[in-house]
N, C-alpha and C. Protein backbone atom coordinates (compact mmCIF):
# COMPACT_ATOMS: atom_id res chain seq x y z
N UNK A 1 -28.71 -23.54 -7.56
CA UNK A 1 -28.37 -22.52 -8.55
C UNK A 1 -27.08 -21.85 -8.13
N UNK A 2 -26.10 -21.84 -9.01
CA UNK A 2 -24.80 -21.24 -8.70
C UNK A 2 -24.67 -19.93 -9.44
N UNK A 3 -24.46 -18.86 -8.71
CA UNK A 3 -24.43 -17.54 -9.31
C UNK A 3 -23.00 -17.11 -9.59
N UNK A 4 -22.66 -16.97 -10.84
CA UNK A 4 -21.31 -16.56 -11.21
C UNK A 4 -21.21 -15.05 -11.29
N UNK A 5 -20.04 -14.55 -11.60
CA UNK A 5 -19.82 -13.11 -11.73
C UNK A 5 -20.67 -12.60 -12.88
N UNK A 6 -21.62 -11.75 -12.57
CA UNK A 6 -22.57 -11.26 -13.57
C UNK A 6 -22.07 -9.96 -14.18
N UNK A 7 -22.29 -9.79 -15.49
CA UNK A 7 -21.92 -8.54 -16.16
C UNK A 7 -22.54 -7.37 -15.41
N UNK A 8 -21.74 -6.32 -15.20
CA UNK A 8 -22.21 -5.21 -14.40
C UNK A 8 -21.96 -5.49 -12.94
N UNK A 9 -21.06 -6.41 -12.67
CA UNK A 9 -20.70 -6.89 -11.34
C UNK A 9 -21.93 -7.49 -10.68
N UNK A 10 -22.27 -7.10 -9.44
CA UNK A 10 -23.26 -7.88 -8.71
C UNK A 10 -24.71 -7.49 -8.98
N UNK A 11 -24.98 -6.21 -9.10
CA UNK A 11 -26.37 -5.79 -9.23
C UNK A 11 -26.68 -5.20 -10.59
N UNK A 12 -25.76 -4.37 -11.05
CA UNK A 12 -25.82 -3.81 -12.38
C UNK A 12 -27.17 -3.36 -12.89
N UNK A 13 -27.60 -2.20 -12.48
CA UNK A 13 -28.76 -1.57 -13.10
C UNK A 13 -28.50 -1.45 -14.59
N UNK A 14 -29.55 -1.48 -15.40
CA UNK A 14 -29.35 -1.34 -16.84
C UNK A 14 -28.84 0.05 -17.15
N UNK A 15 -27.55 0.16 -17.42
CA UNK A 15 -26.93 1.45 -17.69
C UNK A 15 -26.16 1.38 -18.99
N UNK A 16 -26.32 2.37 -19.82
CA UNK A 16 -25.52 2.47 -21.05
C UNK A 16 -24.64 3.71 -20.94
N UNK A 17 -23.34 3.50 -21.00
CA UNK A 17 -22.40 4.61 -20.90
C UNK A 17 -22.00 5.00 -22.33
N UNK A 18 -22.60 6.05 -22.83
CA UNK A 18 -22.36 6.45 -24.20
C UNK A 18 -20.95 7.00 -24.37
N UNK A 19 -20.32 6.68 -25.52
CA UNK A 19 -19.00 7.21 -25.83
C UNK A 19 -19.08 8.70 -26.10
N UNK A 20 -17.97 9.37 -25.92
CA UNK A 20 -17.94 10.82 -26.15
C UNK A 20 -18.01 11.18 -27.63
N UNK A 21 -17.64 10.23 -28.49
CA UNK A 21 -17.62 10.50 -29.92
C UNK A 21 -18.39 9.42 -30.66
N UNK A 22 -18.99 9.77 -31.79
CA UNK A 22 -19.75 8.79 -32.57
C UNK A 22 -18.89 7.57 -32.90
N UNK A 23 -19.45 6.40 -32.72
CA UNK A 23 -18.73 5.19 -33.05
C UNK A 23 -17.85 4.64 -31.94
N UNK A 24 -17.77 5.36 -30.81
CA UNK A 24 -16.94 4.86 -29.72
C UNK A 24 -17.68 3.77 -28.95
N UNK A 25 -16.94 3.00 -28.18
CA UNK A 25 -17.50 1.86 -27.47
C UNK A 25 -18.53 2.30 -26.43
N UNK A 26 -19.63 1.60 -26.40
CA UNK A 26 -20.67 1.86 -25.41
C UNK A 26 -20.69 0.69 -24.43
N UNK A 27 -20.45 0.98 -23.16
CA UNK A 27 -20.41 -0.07 -22.15
C UNK A 27 -21.78 -0.21 -21.48
N UNK A 28 -22.29 -1.42 -21.44
CA UNK A 28 -23.58 -1.68 -20.81
C UNK A 28 -23.39 -2.54 -19.57
N UNK A 29 -24.08 -2.16 -18.51
CA UNK A 29 -24.07 -2.94 -17.28
C UNK A 29 -25.46 -3.51 -17.09
N UNK A 30 -25.58 -4.81 -17.26
CA UNK A 30 -26.91 -5.43 -17.31
C UNK A 30 -27.06 -6.56 -16.30
N UNK A 31 -26.36 -6.45 -15.18
CA UNK A 31 -26.41 -7.52 -14.20
C UNK A 31 -27.80 -7.83 -13.71
N UNK A 32 -28.58 -6.79 -13.41
CA UNK A 32 -29.94 -7.01 -12.90
C UNK A 32 -30.83 -7.65 -13.96
N UNK A 33 -30.68 -7.22 -15.18
CA UNK A 33 -31.47 -7.81 -16.26
C UNK A 33 -31.09 -9.27 -16.48
N UNK A 34 -29.80 -9.57 -16.43
CA UNK A 34 -29.34 -10.94 -16.60
C UNK A 34 -29.85 -11.82 -15.46
N UNK A 35 -29.80 -11.29 -14.23
CA UNK A 35 -30.29 -12.03 -13.07
C UNK A 35 -31.75 -12.43 -13.27
N UNK A 36 -32.58 -11.49 -13.65
CA UNK A 36 -34.00 -11.79 -13.85
C UNK A 36 -34.20 -12.74 -15.02
N UNK A 37 -33.41 -12.58 -16.08
CA UNK A 37 -33.54 -13.45 -17.26
C UNK A 37 -33.22 -14.89 -16.91
N UNK A 38 -32.19 -15.09 -16.08
CA UNK A 38 -31.81 -16.44 -15.67
C UNK A 38 -32.94 -17.08 -14.84
N UNK A 39 -33.48 -16.32 -13.90
CA UNK A 39 -34.57 -16.84 -13.06
C UNK A 39 -35.78 -17.20 -13.91
N UNK A 40 -36.16 -16.31 -14.82
CA UNK A 40 -37.34 -16.55 -15.65
C UNK A 40 -37.12 -17.72 -16.60
N UNK A 41 -35.88 -17.96 -16.97
CA UNK A 41 -35.57 -19.10 -17.83
C UNK A 41 -35.67 -20.42 -17.06
N UNK A 42 -35.26 -20.38 -15.79
CA UNK A 42 -35.24 -21.60 -14.98
C UNK A 42 -36.61 -21.97 -14.42
N UNK A 43 -37.48 -21.00 -14.24
CA UNK A 43 -38.79 -21.28 -13.64
C UNK A 43 -39.57 -22.36 -14.38
N UNK A 44 -39.77 -22.24 -15.69
CA UNK A 44 -40.55 -23.29 -16.38
C UNK A 44 -39.77 -24.60 -16.54
N UNK A 45 -38.51 -24.60 -16.20
CA UNK A 45 -37.69 -25.82 -16.30
C UNK A 45 -37.68 -26.61 -14.99
N UNK A 46 -38.47 -26.14 -14.03
CA UNK A 46 -38.59 -26.88 -12.78
C UNK A 46 -38.40 -26.06 -11.53
N UNK A 47 -37.86 -24.86 -11.67
CA UNK A 47 -37.64 -24.03 -10.49
C UNK A 47 -38.96 -23.61 -9.85
N UNK A 48 -40.02 -23.51 -10.67
CA UNK A 48 -41.32 -23.06 -10.15
C UNK A 48 -42.02 -24.12 -9.30
N UNK A 49 -41.52 -25.36 -9.35
CA UNK A 49 -42.14 -26.42 -8.54
C UNK A 49 -41.11 -27.07 -7.61
N UNK A 50 -39.97 -26.46 -7.47
CA UNK A 50 -38.92 -27.05 -6.66
C UNK A 50 -39.31 -27.11 -5.19
N UNK A 51 -38.81 -28.10 -4.50
CA UNK A 51 -39.05 -28.23 -3.07
C UNK A 51 -37.87 -27.71 -2.25
N UNK A 52 -36.69 -27.76 -2.84
CA UNK A 52 -35.48 -27.28 -2.16
C UNK A 52 -34.62 -26.51 -3.16
N UNK A 53 -34.06 -25.39 -2.72
CA UNK A 53 -33.23 -24.59 -3.61
C UNK A 53 -32.10 -23.94 -2.82
N UNK A 54 -30.93 -23.90 -3.43
CA UNK A 54 -29.77 -23.26 -2.82
C UNK A 54 -29.18 -22.27 -3.81
N UNK A 55 -29.10 -21.01 -3.42
CA UNK A 55 -28.47 -19.97 -4.24
C UNK A 55 -27.06 -19.77 -3.71
N UNK A 56 -26.08 -19.99 -4.57
CA UNK A 56 -24.70 -19.89 -4.14
C UNK A 56 -23.87 -19.17 -5.18
N UNK A 57 -22.73 -18.64 -4.76
CA UNK A 57 -21.84 -17.97 -5.68
C UNK A 57 -20.47 -17.79 -5.06
N UNK A 58 -19.48 -17.51 -5.90
CA UNK A 58 -18.10 -17.38 -5.43
C UNK A 58 -17.58 -15.98 -5.72
N UNK A 59 -16.85 -15.41 -4.78
CA UNK A 59 -16.22 -14.10 -4.91
C UNK A 59 -17.30 -13.03 -5.15
N UNK A 60 -17.25 -12.33 -6.28
CA UNK A 60 -18.28 -11.32 -6.54
C UNK A 60 -19.66 -11.94 -6.62
N UNK A 61 -19.72 -13.18 -7.14
CA UNK A 61 -21.00 -13.90 -7.15
C UNK A 61 -21.45 -14.25 -5.76
N UNK A 62 -20.48 -14.49 -4.86
CA UNK A 62 -20.82 -14.74 -3.46
C UNK A 62 -21.37 -13.51 -2.80
N UNK A 63 -20.78 -12.36 -3.10
CA UNK A 63 -21.30 -11.10 -2.58
C UNK A 63 -22.73 -10.87 -3.07
N UNK A 64 -22.96 -11.23 -4.32
CA UNK A 64 -24.29 -11.03 -4.90
C UNK A 64 -25.35 -11.87 -4.20
N UNK A 65 -24.97 -13.02 -3.64
CA UNK A 65 -25.97 -13.84 -2.97
C UNK A 65 -26.52 -13.14 -1.73
N UNK A 66 -25.69 -12.34 -1.05
CA UNK A 66 -26.18 -11.57 0.09
C UNK A 66 -27.28 -10.60 -0.36
N UNK A 67 -27.09 -10.05 -1.55
CA UNK A 67 -27.97 -9.01 -2.04
C UNK A 67 -29.21 -9.57 -2.75
N UNK A 68 -29.11 -10.79 -3.25
CA UNK A 68 -30.22 -11.38 -4.00
C UNK A 68 -30.97 -12.48 -3.25
N UNK A 69 -30.48 -12.88 -2.11
CA UNK A 69 -31.00 -14.06 -1.43
C UNK A 69 -32.51 -14.00 -1.22
N UNK A 70 -32.98 -12.97 -0.55
CA UNK A 70 -34.42 -12.90 -0.25
C UNK A 70 -35.24 -12.67 -1.51
N UNK A 71 -34.68 -11.97 -2.48
CA UNK A 71 -35.38 -11.78 -3.76
C UNK A 71 -35.55 -13.13 -4.45
N UNK A 72 -34.55 -13.98 -4.33
CA UNK A 72 -34.61 -15.32 -4.91
C UNK A 72 -35.78 -16.12 -4.36
N UNK A 73 -36.02 -16.00 -3.07
CA UNK A 73 -37.10 -16.78 -2.43
C UNK A 73 -38.48 -16.38 -2.94
N UNK A 74 -38.63 -15.13 -3.41
CA UNK A 74 -39.94 -14.66 -3.86
C UNK A 74 -40.39 -15.33 -5.16
N UNK A 75 -39.45 -15.91 -5.89
CA UNK A 75 -39.79 -16.58 -7.15
C UNK A 75 -40.19 -18.04 -6.95
N UNK A 76 -39.95 -18.56 -5.76
CA UNK A 76 -40.14 -19.99 -5.52
C UNK A 76 -41.47 -20.28 -4.82
N UNK A 77 -41.92 -21.54 -4.86
CA UNK A 77 -43.15 -21.89 -4.15
C UNK A 77 -43.03 -21.55 -2.67
N UNK A 78 -44.14 -21.18 -2.05
CA UNK A 78 -44.12 -20.78 -0.65
C UNK A 78 -43.67 -21.91 0.28
N UNK A 79 -43.90 -23.13 -0.12
CA UNK A 79 -43.53 -24.27 0.72
C UNK A 79 -42.12 -24.78 0.43
N UNK A 80 -41.40 -24.12 -0.46
CA UNK A 80 -40.04 -24.55 -0.81
C UNK A 80 -39.05 -24.18 0.29
N UNK A 81 -38.09 -25.04 0.52
CA UNK A 81 -37.00 -24.75 1.46
C UNK A 81 -35.88 -24.08 0.70
N UNK A 82 -35.63 -22.83 1.01
CA UNK A 82 -34.65 -22.04 0.27
C UNK A 82 -33.52 -21.59 1.19
N UNK A 83 -32.29 -21.80 0.75
CA UNK A 83 -31.13 -21.38 1.50
C UNK A 83 -30.12 -20.72 0.56
N UNK A 84 -29.21 -19.96 1.14
CA UNK A 84 -28.20 -19.26 0.34
C UNK A 84 -26.82 -19.49 0.94
N UNK A 85 -25.81 -19.41 0.07
CA UNK A 85 -24.44 -19.61 0.54
C UNK A 85 -23.48 -18.72 -0.24
N UNK A 86 -22.54 -18.11 0.48
CA UNK A 86 -21.51 -17.30 -0.14
C UNK A 86 -20.16 -17.99 0.03
N UNK A 87 -19.45 -18.17 -1.06
CA UNK A 87 -18.11 -18.75 -1.05
C UNK A 87 -17.13 -17.62 -1.40
N UNK A 88 -16.34 -17.19 -0.40
CA UNK A 88 -15.35 -16.13 -0.60
C UNK A 88 -15.99 -14.81 -1.05
N UNK A 89 -17.18 -14.52 -0.52
CA UNK A 89 -17.88 -13.32 -0.94
C UNK A 89 -18.05 -12.28 0.16
N UNK A 90 -17.42 -12.50 1.32
CA UNK A 90 -17.55 -11.54 2.42
C UNK A 90 -16.51 -10.44 2.25
N UNK A 91 -16.87 -9.43 1.47
CA UNK A 91 -15.99 -8.27 1.30
C UNK A 91 -16.25 -7.31 2.46
N UNK A 92 -15.18 -6.95 3.16
CA UNK A 92 -15.32 -6.22 4.41
C UNK A 92 -15.12 -4.71 4.26
N UNK A 93 -15.85 -3.98 5.06
CA UNK A 93 -15.65 -2.54 5.19
C UNK A 93 -14.60 -2.34 6.29
N UNK A 94 -13.33 -2.41 5.90
CA UNK A 94 -12.22 -2.28 6.85
C UNK A 94 -11.32 -1.13 6.46
N UNK A 95 -10.57 -0.64 7.43
CA UNK A 95 -9.57 0.39 7.16
C UNK A 95 -8.26 -0.28 6.75
N UNK A 96 -7.50 0.40 5.89
CA UNK A 96 -6.19 -0.14 5.52
C UNK A 96 -5.18 0.18 6.62
N UNK A 97 -3.92 -0.16 6.41
CA UNK A 97 -2.91 0.01 7.46
C UNK A 97 -2.63 1.48 7.77
N UNK A 98 -3.10 2.36 6.91
CA UNK A 98 -2.96 3.80 7.18
C UNK A 98 -4.25 4.40 7.72
N UNK A 99 -5.18 3.54 8.13
CA UNK A 99 -6.48 3.94 8.70
C UNK A 99 -7.36 4.70 7.70
N UNK A 100 -7.20 4.37 6.43
CA UNK A 100 -8.03 4.95 5.38
C UNK A 100 -9.05 3.92 4.92
N UNK A 101 -10.26 4.38 4.63
CA UNK A 101 -11.32 3.47 4.18
C UNK A 101 -11.18 3.18 2.69
N UNK A 102 -10.12 2.47 2.32
CA UNK A 102 -9.89 2.14 0.92
C UNK A 102 -11.02 1.31 0.32
N UNK A 103 -11.44 0.27 1.03
CA UNK A 103 -12.51 -0.60 0.52
C UNK A 103 -13.82 0.16 0.41
N UNK A 104 -14.12 0.98 1.42
CA UNK A 104 -15.37 1.74 1.40
C UNK A 104 -15.42 2.70 0.23
N UNK A 105 -14.32 3.40 0.01
CA UNK A 105 -14.27 4.36 -1.09
C UNK A 105 -14.43 3.65 -2.44
N UNK A 106 -13.83 2.47 -2.54
CA UNK A 106 -13.92 1.70 -3.78
C UNK A 106 -15.35 1.27 -4.05
N UNK A 107 -16.02 0.70 -3.06
CA UNK A 107 -17.35 0.17 -3.27
C UNK A 107 -18.41 1.27 -3.34
N UNK A 108 -18.14 2.41 -2.73
CA UNK A 108 -19.03 3.56 -2.91
C UNK A 108 -19.09 3.94 -4.39
N UNK A 109 -17.94 3.89 -5.04
CA UNK A 109 -17.89 4.22 -6.47
C UNK A 109 -18.61 3.16 -7.29
N UNK A 110 -18.50 1.90 -6.88
CA UNK A 110 -19.20 0.82 -7.58
C UNK A 110 -20.71 1.02 -7.48
N UNK A 111 -21.18 1.31 -6.27
CA UNK A 111 -22.61 1.52 -6.04
C UNK A 111 -23.11 2.71 -6.85
N UNK A 112 -22.32 3.80 -6.86
CA UNK A 112 -22.71 5.00 -7.60
C UNK A 112 -22.70 4.75 -9.10
N UNK A 113 -21.68 4.08 -9.59
CA UNK A 113 -21.56 3.82 -11.03
C UNK A 113 -22.72 2.99 -11.55
N UNK A 114 -23.13 2.00 -10.77
CA UNK A 114 -24.18 1.10 -11.21
C UNK A 114 -25.59 1.54 -10.82
N UNK A 115 -25.67 2.62 -10.05
CA UNK A 115 -26.99 3.03 -9.58
C UNK A 115 -27.61 1.95 -8.72
N UNK A 116 -26.79 1.30 -7.91
CA UNK A 116 -27.21 0.08 -7.21
C UNK A 116 -27.96 0.32 -5.90
N UNK A 117 -28.02 1.56 -5.43
CA UNK A 117 -28.67 1.80 -4.14
C UNK A 117 -30.11 1.31 -4.11
N UNK A 118 -30.80 1.41 -5.23
CA UNK A 118 -32.21 1.03 -5.26
C UNK A 118 -32.41 -0.47 -5.10
N UNK A 119 -31.33 -1.26 -5.26
CA UNK A 119 -31.44 -2.70 -5.13
C UNK A 119 -30.95 -3.20 -3.77
N UNK A 120 -30.44 -2.31 -2.93
CA UNK A 120 -29.97 -2.72 -1.62
C UNK A 120 -31.16 -2.96 -0.69
N UNK A 121 -30.94 -3.75 0.34
CA UNK A 121 -32.01 -4.08 1.28
C UNK A 121 -32.61 -2.82 1.90
N UNK A 122 -33.91 -2.65 1.74
CA UNK A 122 -34.57 -1.43 2.22
C UNK A 122 -34.51 -1.29 3.73
N UNK A 123 -34.62 -2.40 4.44
CA UNK A 123 -34.55 -2.33 5.90
C UNK A 123 -33.16 -1.90 6.36
N UNK A 124 -32.15 -2.32 5.63
CA UNK A 124 -30.79 -1.93 5.96
C UNK A 124 -30.55 -0.45 5.65
N UNK A 125 -30.93 -0.02 4.46
CA UNK A 125 -30.68 1.37 4.06
C UNK A 125 -31.48 2.36 4.90
N UNK A 126 -32.67 1.96 5.34
CA UNK A 126 -33.50 2.87 6.13
C UNK A 126 -32.99 3.03 7.56
N UNK A 127 -32.13 2.11 7.98
CA UNK A 127 -31.61 2.16 9.35
C UNK A 127 -30.20 2.74 9.41
N UNK A 128 -29.72 3.26 8.30
CA UNK A 128 -28.35 3.77 8.26
C UNK A 128 -28.28 5.10 7.53
N UNK A 129 -27.45 5.99 8.03
CA UNK A 129 -27.19 7.26 7.35
C UNK A 129 -26.24 7.07 6.18
N UNK A 130 -25.50 5.98 6.21
CA UNK A 130 -24.55 5.65 5.15
C UNK A 130 -25.11 4.45 4.40
N UNK A 131 -25.97 4.72 3.43
CA UNK A 131 -26.72 3.65 2.78
C UNK A 131 -25.83 2.70 1.98
N UNK A 132 -24.72 3.19 1.46
CA UNK A 132 -23.85 2.34 0.65
C UNK A 132 -23.23 1.21 1.46
N UNK A 133 -23.21 1.35 2.79
CA UNK A 133 -22.62 0.29 3.61
C UNK A 133 -23.43 -1.00 3.50
N UNK A 134 -24.67 -0.89 3.06
CA UNK A 134 -25.52 -2.08 2.92
C UNK A 134 -25.08 -2.94 1.74
N UNK A 135 -24.10 -2.48 0.99
CA UNK A 135 -23.49 -3.28 -0.06
C UNK A 135 -22.53 -4.29 0.54
N UNK A 136 -22.05 -4.00 1.77
CA UNK A 136 -21.12 -4.88 2.46
C UNK A 136 -21.89 -5.96 3.24
N UNK A 137 -21.48 -7.22 3.09
CA UNK A 137 -22.17 -8.32 3.80
C UNK A 137 -22.23 -8.13 5.31
N UNK A 138 -21.22 -7.52 5.92
CA UNK A 138 -21.22 -7.39 7.38
C UNK A 138 -22.38 -6.54 7.88
N UNK A 139 -22.92 -5.69 7.02
CA UNK A 139 -24.09 -4.88 7.39
C UNK A 139 -25.38 -5.48 6.84
N UNK A 140 -25.31 -6.06 5.65
CA UNK A 140 -26.52 -6.55 4.98
C UNK A 140 -27.00 -7.88 5.55
N UNK A 141 -26.09 -8.67 6.08
CA UNK A 141 -26.42 -10.04 6.46
C UNK A 141 -27.53 -10.13 7.51
N UNK A 142 -27.52 -9.23 8.47
CA UNK A 142 -28.52 -9.33 9.54
C UNK A 142 -29.94 -9.06 9.05
N UNK A 143 -30.07 -8.55 7.83
CA UNK A 143 -31.39 -8.27 7.26
C UNK A 143 -31.85 -9.36 6.29
N UNK A 144 -30.99 -10.35 6.04
CA UNK A 144 -31.36 -11.46 5.17
C UNK A 144 -32.23 -12.44 5.97
N UNK A 145 -33.39 -12.76 5.46
CA UNK A 145 -34.34 -13.60 6.18
C UNK A 145 -34.11 -15.09 5.96
N UNK A 146 -33.65 -15.45 4.79
CA UNK A 146 -33.47 -16.87 4.47
C UNK A 146 -32.24 -17.44 5.20
N UNK A 147 -32.24 -18.73 5.50
CA UNK A 147 -31.06 -19.36 6.11
C UNK A 147 -29.83 -19.14 5.24
N UNK A 148 -28.71 -18.87 5.89
CA UNK A 148 -27.53 -18.46 5.12
C UNK A 148 -26.28 -19.18 5.63
N UNK A 149 -25.44 -19.62 4.67
CA UNK A 149 -24.19 -20.27 5.00
C UNK A 149 -23.03 -19.44 4.45
N UNK A 150 -21.94 -19.38 5.21
CA UNK A 150 -20.78 -18.59 4.79
C UNK A 150 -19.55 -19.49 4.75
N UNK A 151 -18.87 -19.47 3.61
CA UNK A 151 -17.59 -20.16 3.45
C UNK A 151 -16.57 -19.10 3.05
N UNK A 152 -15.61 -18.85 3.93
CA UNK A 152 -14.64 -17.78 3.64
C UNK A 152 -13.32 -18.04 4.36
N UNK A 153 -12.24 -17.81 3.65
CA UNK A 153 -10.93 -17.91 4.27
C UNK A 153 -10.75 -16.80 5.29
N UNK A 154 -10.07 -17.09 6.39
CA UNK A 154 -9.80 -16.06 7.40
C UNK A 154 -8.86 -15.00 6.86
N UNK A 155 -8.05 -15.38 5.87
CA UNK A 155 -7.11 -14.45 5.25
C UNK A 155 -7.39 -14.40 3.75
N UNK A 156 -8.17 -13.45 3.35
CA UNK A 156 -8.57 -13.29 1.97
C UNK A 156 -7.45 -12.58 1.21
N UNK A 157 -6.81 -13.27 0.28
CA UNK A 157 -5.65 -12.72 -0.43
C UNK A 157 -5.98 -11.44 -1.16
N UNK A 158 -7.13 -11.42 -1.83
CA UNK A 158 -7.50 -10.22 -2.60
C UNK A 158 -7.66 -9.02 -1.68
N UNK A 159 -8.40 -9.19 -0.60
CA UNK A 159 -8.65 -8.05 0.29
C UNK A 159 -7.38 -7.67 1.06
N UNK A 160 -6.55 -8.65 1.36
CA UNK A 160 -5.27 -8.37 2.01
C UNK A 160 -4.43 -7.45 1.13
N UNK A 161 -4.34 -7.77 -0.16
CA UNK A 161 -3.47 -7.02 -1.06
C UNK A 161 -4.10 -5.73 -1.57
N UNK A 162 -5.42 -5.69 -1.67
CA UNK A 162 -6.09 -4.53 -2.28
C UNK A 162 -6.74 -3.60 -1.27
N UNK A 163 -7.16 -4.13 -0.13
CA UNK A 163 -7.91 -3.31 0.82
C UNK A 163 -7.16 -3.05 2.13
N UNK A 164 -6.51 -4.08 2.66
CA UNK A 164 -5.76 -3.90 3.90
C UNK A 164 -4.41 -3.24 3.65
N UNK A 165 -3.70 -3.72 2.63
CA UNK A 165 -2.38 -3.15 2.30
C UNK A 165 -2.32 -2.86 0.79
N UNK A 166 -3.08 -1.88 0.34
CA UNK A 166 -2.99 -1.52 -1.08
C UNK A 166 -1.62 -0.90 -1.37
N UNK A 167 -1.16 -0.96 -2.62
CA UNK A 167 0.17 -0.46 -2.96
C UNK A 167 0.45 0.97 -2.48
N UNK A 168 -0.57 1.81 -2.48
CA UNK A 168 -0.36 3.21 -2.08
C UNK A 168 0.03 3.37 -0.62
N UNK A 169 -0.25 2.36 0.20
CA UNK A 169 0.05 2.46 1.63
C UNK A 169 1.43 1.91 1.98
N UNK A 170 2.11 1.34 0.99
CA UNK A 170 3.38 0.68 1.29
C UNK A 170 4.47 1.06 0.28
N UNK A 171 4.82 2.35 0.20
CA UNK A 171 5.83 2.79 -0.77
C UNK A 171 7.21 2.18 -0.54
N UNK A 172 7.51 1.81 0.71
CA UNK A 172 8.82 1.22 1.02
C UNK A 172 8.85 -0.28 0.77
N UNK A 173 7.71 -0.86 0.39
CA UNK A 173 7.56 -2.29 0.10
C UNK A 173 7.88 -3.18 1.31
N UNK A 174 7.59 -2.66 2.47
CA UNK A 174 7.79 -3.42 3.70
C UNK A 174 6.90 -4.67 3.72
N UNK A 175 5.73 -4.57 3.11
CA UNK A 175 4.77 -5.66 3.12
C UNK A 175 4.88 -6.58 1.90
N UNK A 176 5.78 -6.30 0.99
CA UNK A 176 5.79 -7.02 -0.29
C UNK A 176 5.94 -8.53 -0.12
N UNK A 177 6.95 -8.98 0.65
CA UNK A 177 7.16 -10.41 0.83
C UNK A 177 6.01 -11.05 1.59
N UNK A 178 5.49 -10.35 2.58
CA UNK A 178 4.38 -10.86 3.37
C UNK A 178 3.14 -11.04 2.50
N UNK A 179 2.89 -10.11 1.59
CA UNK A 179 1.73 -10.19 0.71
C UNK A 179 1.83 -11.35 -0.26
N UNK A 180 3.05 -11.70 -0.62
CA UNK A 180 3.26 -12.80 -1.56
C UNK A 180 3.28 -14.16 -0.88
N UNK A 181 3.65 -14.16 0.42
CA UNK A 181 3.73 -15.42 1.15
C UNK A 181 3.61 -15.14 2.63
N UNK A 182 2.52 -15.59 3.24
CA UNK A 182 2.28 -15.25 4.64
C UNK A 182 3.35 -15.83 5.58
N UNK A 183 4.04 -16.88 5.14
CA UNK A 183 5.12 -17.44 5.96
C UNK A 183 6.27 -16.46 6.13
N UNK A 184 6.33 -15.46 5.23
CA UNK A 184 7.39 -14.46 5.29
C UNK A 184 7.01 -13.26 6.16
N UNK A 185 5.81 -13.24 6.70
CA UNK A 185 5.36 -12.11 7.52
C UNK A 185 6.07 -12.12 8.87
N UNK A 186 6.42 -10.93 9.35
CA UNK A 186 7.03 -10.86 10.68
C UNK A 186 5.92 -10.80 11.74
N UNK A 187 6.32 -10.73 13.00
CA UNK A 187 5.35 -10.79 14.10
C UNK A 187 4.35 -9.63 14.02
N UNK A 188 4.84 -8.43 13.76
CA UNK A 188 3.95 -7.27 13.70
C UNK A 188 2.94 -7.41 12.56
N UNK A 189 3.38 -7.89 11.44
CA UNK A 189 2.49 -8.06 10.30
C UNK A 189 1.44 -9.13 10.58
N UNK A 190 1.87 -10.21 11.21
CA UNK A 190 0.93 -11.27 11.55
C UNK A 190 -0.12 -10.79 12.55
N UNK A 191 0.31 -9.94 13.48
CA UNK A 191 -0.65 -9.39 14.45
C UNK A 191 -1.70 -8.53 13.76
N UNK A 192 -1.28 -7.77 12.75
CA UNK A 192 -2.23 -6.94 12.00
C UNK A 192 -3.18 -7.82 11.21
N UNK A 193 -2.65 -8.87 10.59
CA UNK A 193 -3.50 -9.80 9.84
C UNK A 193 -4.50 -10.50 10.76
N UNK A 194 -4.00 -10.94 11.91
CA UNK A 194 -4.86 -11.63 12.86
C UNK A 194 -5.94 -10.70 13.38
N UNK A 195 -5.58 -9.46 13.62
CA UNK A 195 -6.56 -8.48 14.09
C UNK A 195 -7.63 -8.22 13.05
N UNK A 196 -7.21 -8.18 11.79
CA UNK A 196 -8.18 -7.99 10.70
C UNK A 196 -9.13 -9.17 10.63
N UNK A 197 -8.59 -10.37 10.80
CA UNK A 197 -9.42 -11.58 10.76
C UNK A 197 -10.40 -11.61 11.92
N UNK A 198 -9.90 -11.31 13.13
CA UNK A 198 -10.75 -11.37 14.32
C UNK A 198 -11.85 -10.31 14.31
N UNK A 199 -11.48 -9.09 13.88
CA UNK A 199 -12.45 -7.99 13.90
C UNK A 199 -13.22 -7.88 12.59
N UNK A 200 -12.82 -8.71 11.63
CA UNK A 200 -13.50 -8.69 10.34
C UNK A 200 -14.40 -9.88 10.16
N UNK A 201 -13.84 -10.98 9.62
CA UNK A 201 -14.64 -12.15 9.30
C UNK A 201 -15.29 -12.78 10.53
N UNK A 202 -14.51 -12.93 11.59
CA UNK A 202 -15.06 -13.59 12.77
C UNK A 202 -16.17 -12.77 13.42
N UNK A 203 -16.03 -11.45 13.37
CA UNK A 203 -17.08 -10.60 13.95
C UNK A 203 -18.36 -10.70 13.14
N UNK A 204 -18.22 -10.87 11.82
CA UNK A 204 -19.39 -11.06 10.96
C UNK A 204 -20.11 -12.35 11.35
N UNK A 205 -19.33 -13.42 11.51
CA UNK A 205 -19.91 -14.71 11.90
C UNK A 205 -20.56 -14.61 13.28
N UNK A 206 -19.90 -13.91 14.20
CA UNK A 206 -20.44 -13.78 15.55
C UNK A 206 -21.77 -13.04 15.54
N UNK A 207 -21.81 -11.91 14.84
CA UNK A 207 -23.06 -11.14 14.78
C UNK A 207 -24.15 -11.94 14.10
N UNK A 208 -23.78 -12.71 13.09
CA UNK A 208 -24.75 -13.54 12.37
C UNK A 208 -25.33 -14.60 13.30
N UNK A 209 -24.47 -15.23 14.12
CA UNK A 209 -24.93 -16.28 15.03
C UNK A 209 -25.85 -15.70 16.10
N UNK A 210 -25.55 -14.48 16.54
CA UNK A 210 -26.42 -13.80 17.52
C UNK A 210 -27.77 -13.50 16.90
N UNK A 211 -27.73 -13.05 15.63
CA UNK A 211 -28.98 -12.73 14.92
C UNK A 211 -29.86 -13.97 14.78
N UNK A 212 -29.23 -15.12 14.44
CA UNK A 212 -29.98 -16.35 14.26
C UNK A 212 -30.58 -16.82 15.60
N UNK A 213 -29.79 -16.70 16.67
CA UNK A 213 -30.27 -17.16 17.99
C UNK A 213 -31.43 -16.31 18.49
N UNK A 214 -31.46 -15.03 18.07
CA UNK A 214 -32.57 -14.16 18.48
C UNK A 214 -33.86 -14.56 17.75
């Protein structure tokens, strides 16, 4: 099963945002409802008797697999072999070049807007004073019980441009050429990128491997 970008982003509690005036557009976030509808549609088509299942997704859909993986297993036969995989879905809780939590602030708003806290892993949220961090794979992954595979570039272009070096942090455009082409990065910029990779993606993989070995 391949999980694409779901309306309401990854979790999307059923929310209707009423317009301020009669007749204005009403935005609905129905990711959770769509997720359940897809599962219930697939069950009588063979998912209820499957022996092997893989839940996978790309980008935002990849992030959603971290959050839905164990829930997915509850719909399947107890003897089924279930695994999950994220392709480019490891969104990191990192500081930008000005040491500001740009990514954290962004995803806090996403969690608040969608009312998504109730869908985050309970074991993760109960062990943290900052419950919204459980939206990030680097914190949520250690609580996922099903076998998990991660496919992710060491240098994620989206997070590089939006989270590590967002436009607000580079008014002089010192990073502009580097952001467009990594071959144009100078030594200092490459060191920052490498540090982000080592302390970001690789640390997630390392902690995950330790968790599995335990």
